[in-house]
Amino acid sequence: MGEKEEAIVKAAICVMSRYGVKRTTMNDIANAAEISRQTLYNSFANKDEVLRAAVRQGCERSVTDIRQDWQQAAGLGEKLDAFFQHTVIFYYDFIHSAPDADDIVSGFNTAGKDELEKAQDRYKSLLEEVLSPYETTISNAGMTVSQLAEIVCVSSVGYKYKARSKAHLEELLRSLKIMTLTLAGAD
């Protein structure tokens, strides 16, 4: 995406977070981005494309932030903390900060959900990468790196919807981290 598209997506996220995806119109997005409707339509054919771009942008930001944090991480435990921070805690806070932010985080419709699946695949690949040095120990525990990565990814992402409070979310993530470290024989 170019700068113009990024600015449009940023404006769209603000509007969709406030009013929900369903109630947000292309006109609302154009107004928030301070551009004409035609300029908006030159970049995005419809609201589904804007939603897809918003989900993609969020995923890209998360992946970049995770990789930056991993460069400073001392071990698997800190890497899991960074993963949870950028894929779960950030979005949990986002959902609870705006009335309709969940529309964006949950994907809202088929277009958004398809893009979220791609994001989940990216997150799983990141976990496979960080867990791969522990492949032998994980295998000795009866799992593959891919299986453990999927369990951690699916479980942790689901926690942002199931946690009763931020403290409960942190408790769930701490337990998942302990389980993962134990299976990997790390930290």
N, C-alpha and C. Protein backbone atom coordinates (compact mmCIF):
# COMPACT_ATOMS: atom_id res chain seq x y z
N MET A 1 0.83 -1.19 0.00
CA MET A 1 0.00 0.00 0.00
C MET A 1 0.87 1.24 0.00
N GLY A 2 0.39 2.23 -0.71
CA GLY A 2 1.07 3.51 -0.71
C GLY A 2 0.63 4.35 0.48
N GLU A 3 1.22 5.52 0.61
CA GLU A 3 0.89 6.41 1.73
C GLU A 3 -0.58 6.81 1.72
N LYS A 4 -1.11 7.09 0.51
CA LYS A 4 -2.51 7.50 0.42
C LYS A 4 -3.43 6.39 0.92
N GLU A 5 -3.16 5.16 0.50
CA GLU A 5 -3.99 4.03 0.93
C GLU A 5 -3.85 3.78 2.43
N GLU A 6 -2.65 3.93 2.94
CA GLU A 6 -2.45 3.76 4.39
C GLU A 6 -3.24 4.81 5.17
N ALA A 7 -3.25 6.04 4.68
CA ALA A 7 -4.01 7.10 5.35
C ALA A 7 -5.51 6.80 5.29
N ILE A 8 -5.97 6.28 4.18
CA ILE A 8 -7.38 5.92 4.04
C ILE A 8 -7.73 4.81 5.02
N VAL A 9 -6.90 3.81 5.08
CA VAL A 9 -7.15 2.68 5.99
C VAL A 9 -7.15 3.15 7.44
N LYS A 10 -6.22 4.00 7.78
CA LYS A 10 -6.17 4.53 9.16
C LYS A 10 -7.46 5.27 9.49
N ALA A 11 -7.93 6.10 8.58
CA ALA A 11 -9.19 6.83 8.79
C ALA A 11 -10.35 5.85 8.87
N ALA A 12 -10.34 4.84 8.02
CA ALA A 12 -11.41 3.84 8.01
C ALA A 12 -11.47 3.09 9.34
N ILE A 13 -10.33 2.74 9.88
CA ILE A 13 -10.29 2.03 11.16
C ILE A 13 -10.92 2.89 12.25
N CYS A 14 -10.61 4.18 12.26
CA CYS A 14 -11.21 5.07 13.26
C CYS A 14 -12.73 5.11 13.12
N VAL A 15 -13.21 5.25 11.90
CA VAL A 15 -14.66 5.34 11.68
C VAL A 15 -15.34 4.01 11.99
N MET A 16 -14.77 2.91 11.50
CA MET A 16 -15.37 1.59 11.73
C MET A 16 -15.35 1.22 13.21
N SER A 17 -14.33 1.65 13.91
CA SER A 17 -14.25 1.39 15.35
C SER A 17 -15.34 2.12 16.11
N ARG A 18 -15.68 3.27 15.62
CA ARG A 18 -16.68 4.10 16.28
C ARG A 18 -18.11 3.67 15.94
N TYR A 19 -18.35 3.34 14.67
CA TYR A 19 -19.73 3.07 14.22
C TYR A 19 -19.99 1.63 13.83
N GLY A 20 -18.95 0.84 13.74
CA GLY A 20 -19.09 -0.53 13.26
C GLY A 20 -18.96 -0.58 11.75
N VAL A 21 -18.56 -1.73 11.26
CA VAL A 21 -18.35 -1.88 9.83
C VAL A 21 -19.66 -1.74 9.07
N LYS A 22 -20.69 -2.37 9.57
CA LYS A 22 -21.98 -2.38 8.86
C LYS A 22 -22.53 -0.96 8.66
N ARG A 23 -22.45 -0.13 9.67
CA ARG A 23 -23.02 1.22 9.58
C ARG A 23 -22.10 2.23 8.90
N THR A 24 -20.83 1.90 8.74
CA THR A 24 -19.89 2.80 8.10
C THR A 24 -20.08 2.75 6.59
N THR A 25 -20.13 3.92 5.98
CA THR A 25 -20.27 4.00 4.53
C THR A 25 -18.95 4.44 3.91
N MET A 26 -18.86 4.26 2.62
CA MET A 26 -17.68 4.76 1.91
C MET A 26 -17.60 6.28 2.04
N ASN A 27 -18.73 6.94 2.09
CA ASN A 27 -18.75 8.38 2.27
C ASN A 27 -18.16 8.76 3.63
N ASP A 28 -18.50 7.99 4.67
CA ASP A 28 -17.93 8.23 6.01
C ASP A 28 -16.41 8.10 5.97
N ILE A 29 -15.93 7.08 5.27
CA ILE A 29 -14.49 6.85 5.17
C ILE A 29 -13.82 7.99 4.42
N ALA A 30 -14.42 8.40 3.30
CA ALA A 30 -13.86 9.52 2.52
C ALA A 30 -13.80 10.79 3.37
N ASN A 31 -14.87 11.07 4.10
CA ASN A 31 -14.89 12.26 4.96
C ASN A 31 -13.81 12.18 6.03
N ALA A 32 -13.68 11.03 6.67
CA ALA A 32 -12.67 10.87 7.72
C ALA A 32 -11.25 11.01 7.17
N ALA A 33 -11.06 10.53 5.95
CA ALA A 33 -9.74 10.61 5.32
C ALA A 33 -9.50 11.97 4.66
N GLU A 34 -10.54 12.82 4.68
CA GLU A 34 -10.48 14.14 4.07
C GLU A 34 -10.11 14.07 2.59
N ILE A 35 -10.81 13.15 1.89
CA ILE A 35 -10.63 12.99 0.45
C ILE A 35 -12.02 12.90 -0.18
N SER A 36 -12.06 13.01 -1.49
CA SER A 36 -13.34 12.87 -2.18
C SER A 36 -13.70 11.38 -2.28
N ARG A 37 -14.98 11.13 -2.48
CA ARG A 37 -15.42 9.75 -2.66
C ARG A 37 -14.73 9.13 -3.88
N GLN A 38 -14.57 9.91 -4.94
CA GLN A 38 -13.92 9.38 -6.14
C GLN A 38 -12.48 8.96 -5.86
N THR A 39 -11.77 9.76 -5.06
CA THR A 39 -10.40 9.40 -4.69
C THR A 39 -10.41 8.09 -3.90
N LEU A 40 -11.37 7.95 -3.01
CA LEU A 40 -11.49 6.71 -2.24
C LEU A 40 -11.74 5.54 -3.18
N TYR A 41 -12.69 5.69 -4.10
CA TYR A 41 -13.01 4.61 -5.03
C TYR A 41 -11.88 4.32 -6.01
N ASN A 42 -11.01 5.28 -6.24
CA ASN A 42 -9.83 5.02 -7.07
C ASN A 42 -8.85 4.07 -6.37
N SER A 43 -8.89 4.07 -5.05
CA SER A 43 -7.99 3.21 -4.27
C SER A 43 -8.65 1.91 -3.84
N PHE A 44 -9.93 1.97 -3.50
CA PHE A 44 -10.66 0.80 -3.00
C PHE A 44 -12.02 0.73 -3.67
N ALA A 45 -12.34 -0.39 -4.27
CA ALA A 45 -13.60 -0.54 -5.01
C ALA A 45 -14.81 -0.54 -4.10
N ASN A 46 -14.63 -1.00 -2.85
CA ASN A 46 -15.78 -1.09 -1.94
C ASN A 46 -15.29 -1.21 -0.50
N LYS A 47 -16.23 -1.25 0.41
CA LYS A 47 -15.92 -1.30 1.84
C LYS A 47 -15.21 -2.61 2.20
N ASP A 48 -15.57 -3.72 1.53
CA ASP A 48 -14.88 -4.98 1.80
C ASP A 48 -13.39 -4.87 1.54
N GLU A 49 -13.02 -4.19 0.46
CA GLU A 49 -11.60 -4.00 0.17
C GLU A 49 -10.92 -3.17 1.25
N VAL A 50 -11.62 -2.18 1.74
CA VAL A 50 -11.06 -1.34 2.82
C VAL A 50 -10.87 -2.20 4.07
N LEU A 51 -11.86 -3.02 4.40
CA LEU A 51 -11.76 -3.89 5.58
C LEU A 51 -10.61 -4.87 5.42
N ARG A 52 -10.49 -5.48 4.26
CA ARG A 52 -9.36 -6.40 4.00
C ARG A 52 -8.03 -5.67 4.22
N ALA A 53 -7.93 -4.47 3.68
CA ALA A 53 -6.70 -3.70 3.82
C ALA A 53 -6.42 -3.36 5.28
N ALA A 54 -7.47 -3.09 6.05
CA ALA A 54 -7.30 -2.78 7.48
C ALA A 54 -6.77 -4.00 8.23
N VAL A 55 -7.33 -5.15 7.94
CA VAL A 55 -6.87 -6.38 8.60
C VAL A 55 -5.43 -6.68 8.19
N ARG A 56 -5.14 -6.56 6.90
CA ARG A 56 -3.77 -6.79 6.41
C ARG A 56 -2.78 -5.83 7.07
N GLN A 57 -3.16 -4.56 7.16
CA GLN A 57 -2.29 -3.56 7.78
C GLN A 57 -2.03 -3.89 9.25
N GLY A 58 -3.07 -4.30 9.95
CA GLY A 58 -2.90 -4.69 11.36
C GLY A 58 -1.97 -5.87 11.51
N CYS A 59 -2.13 -6.86 10.64
CA CYS A 59 -1.27 -8.04 10.68
C CYS A 59 0.18 -7.66 10.39
N GLU A 60 0.39 -6.87 9.36
CA GLU A 60 1.75 -6.45 9.02
C GLU A 60 2.41 -5.71 10.17
N ARG A 61 1.64 -4.81 10.81
CA ARG A 61 2.18 -4.06 11.95
C ARG A 61 2.55 -5.02 13.08
N SER A 62 1.67 -5.98 13.35
CA SER A 62 1.93 -6.95 14.42
C SER A 62 3.19 -7.75 14.13
N VAL A 63 3.32 -8.26 12.91
CA VAL A 63 4.48 -9.07 12.53
C VAL A 63 5.76 -8.24 12.66
N THR A 64 5.74 -7.02 12.19
CA THR A 64 6.91 -6.14 12.30
C THR A 64 7.28 -5.90 13.76
N ASP A 65 6.29 -5.59 14.58
CA ASP A 65 6.54 -5.33 16.00
C ASP A 65 7.06 -6.58 16.72
N ILE A 66 6.50 -7.73 16.39
CA ILE A 66 6.96 -8.98 17.00
C ILE A 66 8.42 -9.22 16.64
N ARG A 67 8.74 -9.11 15.37
CA ARG A 67 10.12 -9.35 14.93
C ARG A 67 11.10 -8.37 15.59
N GLN A 68 10.71 -7.13 15.75
CA GLN A 68 11.57 -6.15 16.42
C GLN A 68 11.79 -6.56 17.88
N ASP A 69 10.72 -6.95 18.56
CA ASP A 69 10.84 -7.35 19.96
C ASP A 69 11.68 -8.63 20.09
N TRP A 70 11.56 -9.53 19.14
CA TRP A 70 12.32 -10.77 19.20
C TRP A 70 13.82 -10.53 19.10
N GLN A 71 14.21 -9.49 18.43
CA GLN A 71 15.64 -9.18 18.33
C GLN A 71 16.24 -8.87 19.70
N GLN A 72 15.42 -8.37 20.61
CA GLN A 72 15.88 -8.01 21.95
C GLN A 72 15.58 -9.09 22.99
N ALA A 73 14.81 -10.10 22.61
CA ALA A 73 14.34 -11.12 23.56
C ALA A 73 15.48 -12.05 23.98
N ALA A 74 15.47 -12.39 25.27
CA ALA A 74 16.52 -13.24 25.83
C ALA A 74 16.24 -14.73 25.63
N GLY A 75 15.02 -15.11 25.41
CA GLY A 75 14.71 -16.52 25.25
C GLY A 75 13.29 -16.72 24.75
N LEU A 76 12.89 -17.97 24.71
CA LEU A 76 11.57 -18.31 24.21
C LEU A 76 10.46 -17.65 25.02
N GLY A 77 10.61 -17.58 26.33
CA GLY A 77 9.59 -16.96 27.17
C GLY A 77 9.33 -15.52 26.79
N GLU A 78 10.39 -14.75 26.58
CA GLU A 78 10.24 -13.35 26.18
C GLU A 78 9.67 -13.23 24.76
N LYS A 79 10.02 -14.18 23.91
CA LYS A 79 9.47 -14.16 22.55
C LYS A 79 7.98 -14.45 22.57
N LEU A 80 7.56 -15.38 23.41
CA LEU A 80 6.12 -15.64 23.55
C LEU A 80 5.40 -14.42 24.10
N ASP A 81 6.01 -13.77 25.09
CA ASP A 81 5.42 -12.54 25.64
C ASP A 81 5.20 -11.50 24.54
N ALA A 82 6.20 -11.33 23.69
CA ALA A 82 6.08 -10.35 22.59
C ALA A 82 4.98 -10.77 21.62
N PHE A 83 4.93 -12.05 21.31
CA PHE A 83 3.87 -12.55 20.42
C PHE A 83 2.50 -12.27 21.01
N PHE A 84 2.33 -12.59 22.27
CA PHE A 84 1.04 -12.36 22.93
C PHE A 84 0.70 -10.88 23.00
N GLN A 85 1.69 -10.06 23.25
CA GLN A 85 1.46 -8.61 23.34
C GLN A 85 0.88 -8.07 22.03
N HIS A 86 1.47 -8.48 20.92
CA HIS A 86 1.10 -7.88 19.63
C HIS A 86 -0.04 -8.59 18.90
N THR A 87 -0.36 -9.81 19.30
CA THR A 87 -1.45 -10.52 18.62
C THR A 87 -2.69 -10.69 19.48
N VAL A 88 -2.55 -10.51 20.78
CA VAL A 88 -3.68 -10.72 21.68
C VAL A 88 -3.97 -9.49 22.53
N ILE A 89 -3.02 -9.09 23.34
CA ILE A 89 -3.25 -8.02 24.31
C ILE A 89 -3.57 -6.71 23.60
N PHE A 90 -2.81 -6.37 22.55
CA PHE A 90 -3.08 -5.14 21.81
C PHE A 90 -4.52 -5.13 21.30
N TYR A 91 -4.97 -6.23 20.72
CA TYR A 91 -6.32 -6.29 20.15
C TYR A 91 -7.40 -6.39 21.23
N TYR A 92 -7.08 -7.02 22.34
CA TYR A 92 -8.02 -7.03 23.47
C TYR A 92 -8.26 -5.59 23.93
N ASP A 93 -7.18 -4.84 24.09
CA ASP A 93 -7.31 -3.43 24.50
C ASP A 93 -8.08 -2.63 23.45
N PHE A 94 -7.80 -2.88 22.18
CA PHE A 94 -8.48 -2.18 21.09
C PHE A 94 -9.98 -2.45 21.12
N ILE A 95 -10.36 -3.71 21.30
CA ILE A 95 -11.77 -4.10 21.36
C ILE A 95 -12.47 -3.37 22.49
N HIS A 96 -11.79 -3.26 23.62
CA HIS A 96 -12.41 -2.66 24.80
C HIS A 96 -12.30 -1.13 24.83
N SER A 97 -11.62 -0.55 23.84
CA SER A 97 -11.47 0.91 23.82
C SER A 97 -12.50 1.61 22.96
N ALA A 98 -13.14 0.89 22.06
CA ALA A 98 -14.09 1.51 21.14
C ALA A 98 -15.34 0.63 21.03
N PRO A 99 -16.49 1.24 20.90
CA PRO A 99 -17.75 0.49 20.91
C PRO A 99 -17.83 -0.61 19.85
N ASP A 100 -17.37 -0.36 18.65
CA ASP A 100 -17.52 -1.34 17.59
C ASP A 100 -16.19 -1.81 17.01
N ALA A 101 -15.12 -1.70 17.79
CA ALA A 101 -13.81 -2.12 17.31
C ALA A 101 -13.76 -3.61 17.01
N ASP A 102 -14.58 -4.39 17.69
CA ASP A 102 -14.59 -5.83 17.47
C ASP A 102 -14.94 -6.18 16.03
N ASP A 103 -15.72 -5.34 15.35
CA ASP A 103 -16.03 -5.60 13.95
C ASP A 103 -14.76 -5.77 13.12
N ILE A 104 -13.77 -4.96 13.39
CA ILE A 104 -12.53 -5.02 12.63
C ILE A 104 -11.70 -6.22 13.08
N VAL A 105 -11.58 -6.42 14.39
CA VAL A 105 -10.75 -7.48 14.93
C VAL A 105 -11.30 -8.86 14.58
N SER A 106 -12.63 -9.01 14.55
CA SER A 106 -13.23 -10.31 14.24
C SER A 106 -13.44 -10.51 12.75
N GLY A 107 -13.20 -9.48 11.95
CA GLY A 107 -13.33 -9.60 10.52
C GLY A 107 -14.69 -9.22 9.98
N PHE A 108 -15.72 -9.22 10.79
CA PHE A 108 -17.09 -8.79 10.49
C PHE A 108 -17.79 -9.64 9.42
N ASN A 109 -17.20 -9.78 8.24
CA ASN A 109 -17.89 -10.49 7.16
C ASN A 109 -16.92 -11.45 6.48
N THR A 110 -17.37 -12.08 5.42
CA THR A 110 -16.55 -13.07 4.73
C THR A 110 -15.22 -12.49 4.27
N ALA A 111 -15.25 -11.30 3.70
CA ALA A 111 -14.01 -10.68 3.22
C ALA A 111 -13.02 -10.47 4.36
N GLY A 112 -13.50 -9.93 5.46
CA GLY A 112 -12.64 -9.71 6.61
C GLY A 112 -12.16 -11.00 7.23
N LYS A 113 -13.05 -11.98 7.32
CA LYS A 113 -12.69 -13.27 7.92
C LYS A 113 -11.64 -13.99 7.06
N ASP A 114 -11.76 -13.88 5.74
CA ASP A 114 -10.75 -14.48 4.87
C ASP A 114 -9.38 -13.86 5.12
N GLU A 115 -9.36 -12.56 5.28
CA GLU A 115 -8.09 -11.87 5.54
C GLU A 115 -7.55 -12.25 6.92
N LEU A 116 -8.45 -12.42 7.91
CA LEU A 116 -8.02 -12.85 9.25
C LEU A 116 -7.41 -14.24 9.22
N GLU A 117 -7.94 -15.12 8.40
CA GLU A 117 -7.35 -16.47 8.26
C GLU A 117 -5.93 -16.38 7.75
N LYS A 118 -5.70 -15.51 6.79
CA LYS A 118 -4.34 -15.32 6.27
C LYS A 118 -3.43 -14.78 7.38
N ALA A 119 -3.96 -13.87 8.18
CA ALA A 119 -3.18 -13.32 9.30
C ALA A 119 -2.84 -14.44 10.29
N GLN A 120 -3.82 -15.28 10.59
CA GLN A 120 -3.58 -16.39 11.52
C GLN A 120 -2.48 -17.31 10.98
N ASP A 121 -2.49 -17.54 9.69
CA ASP A 121 -1.45 -18.37 9.08
C ASP A 121 -0.08 -17.72 9.25
N ARG A 122 -0.01 -16.40 9.10
CA ARG A 122 1.26 -15.69 9.30
C ARG A 122 1.72 -15.83 10.75
N TYR A 123 0.78 -15.67 11.69
CA TYR A 123 1.13 -15.77 13.10
C TYR A 123 1.60 -17.18 13.44
N LYS A 124 0.93 -18.18 12.89
CA LYS A 124 1.34 -19.57 13.12
C LYS A 124 2.74 -19.80 12.58
N SER A 125 3.04 -19.27 11.41
CA SER A 125 4.38 -19.41 10.84
C SER A 125 5.44 -18.77 11.73
N LEU A 126 5.11 -17.63 12.31
CA LEU A 126 6.04 -16.99 13.24
C LEU A 126 6.32 -17.90 14.44
N LEU A 127 5.26 -18.50 14.97
CA LEU A 127 5.44 -19.40 16.11
C LEU A 127 6.24 -20.64 15.72
N GLU A 128 5.98 -21.16 14.54
CA GLU A 128 6.77 -22.32 14.09
C GLU A 128 8.25 -21.95 14.01
N GLU A 129 8.52 -20.77 13.54
CA GLU A 129 9.90 -20.29 13.43
C GLU A 129 10.57 -20.23 14.80
N VAL A 130 9.87 -19.68 15.79
CA VAL A 130 10.47 -19.51 17.11
C VAL A 130 10.53 -20.83 17.88
N LEU A 131 9.64 -21.77 17.55
CA LEU A 131 9.63 -23.06 18.23
C LEU A 131 10.54 -24.10 17.57
N SER A 132 10.95 -23.86 16.34
CA SER A 132 11.72 -24.87 15.60
C SER A 132 13.02 -25.31 16.28
N PRO A 133 13.74 -24.44 17.01
CA PRO A 133 14.94 -24.93 17.71
C PRO A 133 14.64 -25.98 18.79
N TYR A 134 13.38 -26.10 19.17
CA TYR A 134 12.98 -27.03 20.22
C TYR A 134 12.27 -28.25 19.65
N GLU A 135 12.45 -28.49 18.37
CA GLU A 135 11.71 -29.53 17.67
C GLU A 135 11.89 -30.92 18.30
N THR A 136 13.08 -31.27 18.68
CA THR A 136 13.33 -32.61 19.25
C THR A 136 12.57 -32.79 20.56
N THR A 137 12.66 -31.81 21.44
CA THR A 137 11.97 -31.89 22.73
C THR A 137 10.46 -31.92 22.54
N ILE A 138 9.96 -31.09 21.65
CA ILE A 138 8.52 -31.06 21.37
C ILE A 138 8.08 -32.40 20.79
N SER A 139 8.88 -32.95 19.92
CA SER A 139 8.58 -34.26 19.32
C SER A 139 8.59 -35.36 20.38
N ASN A 140 9.54 -35.29 21.29
CA ASN A 140 9.59 -36.28 22.38
C ASN A 140 8.37 -36.20 23.29
N ALA A 141 7.73 -35.04 23.30
CA ALA A 141 6.51 -34.86 24.10
C ALA A 141 5.27 -35.32 23.34
N GLY A 142 5.47 -35.76 22.09
CA GLY A 142 4.36 -36.30 21.31
C GLY A 142 3.67 -35.31 20.38
N MET A 143 4.30 -34.19 20.12
CA MET A 143 3.71 -33.18 19.23
C MET A 143 4.71 -32.77 18.17
N THR A 144 4.21 -32.11 17.16
CA THR A 144 5.09 -31.48 16.18
C THR A 144 5.14 -29.98 16.48
N VAL A 145 6.14 -29.33 15.94
CA VAL A 145 6.25 -27.89 16.08
C VAL A 145 5.01 -27.22 15.51
N SER A 146 4.56 -27.71 14.37
CA SER A 146 3.37 -27.14 13.73
C SER A 146 2.13 -27.29 14.61
N GLN A 147 1.97 -28.44 15.22
CA GLN A 147 0.81 -28.64 16.11
C GLN A 147 0.86 -27.70 17.30
N LEU A 148 2.02 -27.59 17.93
CA LEU A 148 2.14 -26.70 19.08
C LEU A 148 1.92 -25.25 18.68
N ALA A 149 2.47 -24.86 17.54
CA ALA A 149 2.28 -23.48 17.06
C ALA A 149 0.80 -23.20 16.83
N GLU A 150 0.10 -24.16 16.25
CA GLU A 150 -1.32 -23.94 16.00
C GLU A 150 -2.12 -23.85 17.30
N ILE A 151 -1.81 -24.71 18.26
CA ILE A 151 -2.51 -24.66 19.55
C ILE A 151 -2.27 -23.30 20.23
N VAL A 152 -1.03 -22.86 20.25
CA VAL A 152 -0.71 -21.58 20.89
C VAL A 152 -1.40 -20.44 20.16
N CYS A 153 -1.36 -20.47 18.85
CA CYS A 153 -1.95 -19.39 18.05
C CYS A 153 -3.47 -19.35 18.21
N VAL A 154 -4.12 -20.45 18.00
CA VAL A 154 -5.59 -20.49 18.07
C VAL A 154 -6.07 -20.19 19.49
N SER A 155 -5.42 -20.77 20.47
CA SER A 155 -5.83 -20.55 21.86
C SER A 155 -5.65 -19.09 22.26
N SER A 156 -4.46 -18.56 22.02
CA SER A 156 -4.17 -17.20 22.48
C SER A 156 -5.06 -16.18 21.79
N VAL A 157 -5.27 -16.33 20.50
CA VAL A 157 -6.12 -15.38 19.77
C VAL A 157 -7.56 -15.47 20.27
N GLY A 158 -8.02 -16.67 20.59
CA GLY A 158 -9.37 -16.83 21.12
C GLY A 158 -9.55 -16.23 22.50
N TYR A 159 -8.48 -16.14 23.25
CA TYR A 159 -8.58 -15.60 24.61
C TYR A 159 -9.07 -14.16 24.63
N LYS A 160 -8.77 -13.39 23.60
CA LYS A 160 -9.19 -11.98 23.62
C LYS A 160 -10.71 -11.85 23.62
N TYR A 161 -11.40 -12.91 23.19
CA TYR A 161 -12.87 -12.90 23.21
C TYR A 161 -13.43 -13.57 24.45
N LYS A 162 -12.71 -14.53 25.00
CA LYS A 162 -13.24 -15.33 26.10
C LYS A 162 -12.84 -14.84 27.49
N ALA A 163 -11.80 -14.04 27.56
CA ALA A 163 -11.33 -13.57 28.87
C ALA A 163 -12.38 -12.66 29.52
N ARG A 164 -12.58 -12.88 30.80
CA ARG A 164 -13.58 -12.09 31.55
C ARG A 164 -13.07 -10.71 31.92
N SER A 165 -11.75 -10.55 31.93
CA SER A 165 -11.13 -9.27 32.28
C SER A 165 -9.70 -9.29 31.77
N LYS A 166 -9.05 -8.15 31.85
CA LYS A 166 -7.65 -8.09 31.43
C LYS A 166 -6.79 -8.99 32.32
N ALA A 167 -7.07 -9.01 33.60
CA ALA A 167 -6.33 -9.88 34.51
C ALA A 167 -6.53 -11.35 34.14
N HIS A 168 -7.75 -11.71 33.79
CA HIS A 168 -8.03 -13.08 33.38
C HIS A 168 -7.30 -13.41 32.08
N LEU A 169 -7.27 -12.46 31.14
CA LEU A 169 -6.53 -12.65 29.89
C LEU A 169 -5.05 -12.92 30.18
N GLU A 170 -4.48 -12.11 31.03
CA GLU A 170 -3.06 -12.28 31.37
C GLU A 170 -2.80 -13.61 32.05
N GLU A 171 -3.73 -14.06 32.89
CA GLU A 171 -3.62 -15.37 33.54
C GLU A 171 -3.67 -16.50 32.51
N LEU A 172 -4.59 -16.41 31.57
CA LEU A 172 -4.69 -17.42 30.51
C LEU A 172 -3.41 -17.47 29.68
N LEU A 173 -2.90 -16.31 29.31
CA LEU A 173 -1.68 -16.26 28.51
C LEU A 173 -0.48 -16.78 29.29
N ARG A 174 -0.42 -16.48 30.58
CA ARG A 174 0.67 -16.99 31.42
C ARG A 174 0.65 -18.52 31.46
N SER A 175 -0.55 -19.09 31.59
CA SER A 175 -0.69 -20.56 31.61
C SER A 175 -0.28 -21.16 30.27
N LEU A 176 -0.69 -20.54 29.19
CA LEU A 176 -0.32 -21.03 27.86
C LEU A 176 1.19 -20.94 27.65
N LYS A 177 1.78 -19.89 28.15
CA LYS A 177 3.23 -19.73 28.06
C LYS A 177 3.95 -20.82 28.84
N ILE A 178 3.50 -21.10 30.05
CA ILE A 178 4.12 -22.15 30.87
C ILE A 178 4.00 -23.50 30.18
N MET A 179 2.82 -23.80 29.63
CA MET A 179 2.62 -25.05 28.92
C MET A 179 3.58 -25.16 27.73
N THR A 180 3.71 -24.08 26.98
CA THR A 180 4.57 -24.08 25.79
C THR A 180 6.03 -24.24 26.18
N LEU A 181 6.46 -23.50 27.19
CA LEU A 181 7.85 -23.63 27.64
C LEU A 181 8.14 -25.03 28.16
N THR A 182 7.18 -25.62 28.85
CA THR A 182 7.35 -26.97 29.37
C THR A 182 7.49 -27.97 28.23
N LEU A 183 6.59 -27.88 27.25
CA LEU A 183 6.65 -28.80 26.11
C LEU A 183 7.94 -28.63 25.30
N ALA A 184 8.43 -27.39 25.24
CA ALA A 184 9.65 -27.11 24.49
C ALA A 184 10.91 -27.40 25.29
N GLY A 185 10.76 -27.56 26.60
CA GLY A 185 11.92 -27.78 27.46
C GLY A 185 12.80 -26.55 27.54
N ALA A 186 12.16 -25.38 27.51
CA ALA A 186 12.91 -24.12 27.47
C ALA A 186 12.66 -23.31 28.73
N ASP A 187 13.56 -22.35 28.94
CA ASP A 187 13.46 -21.35 30.02
C ASP A 187 12.85 -21.94 31.27
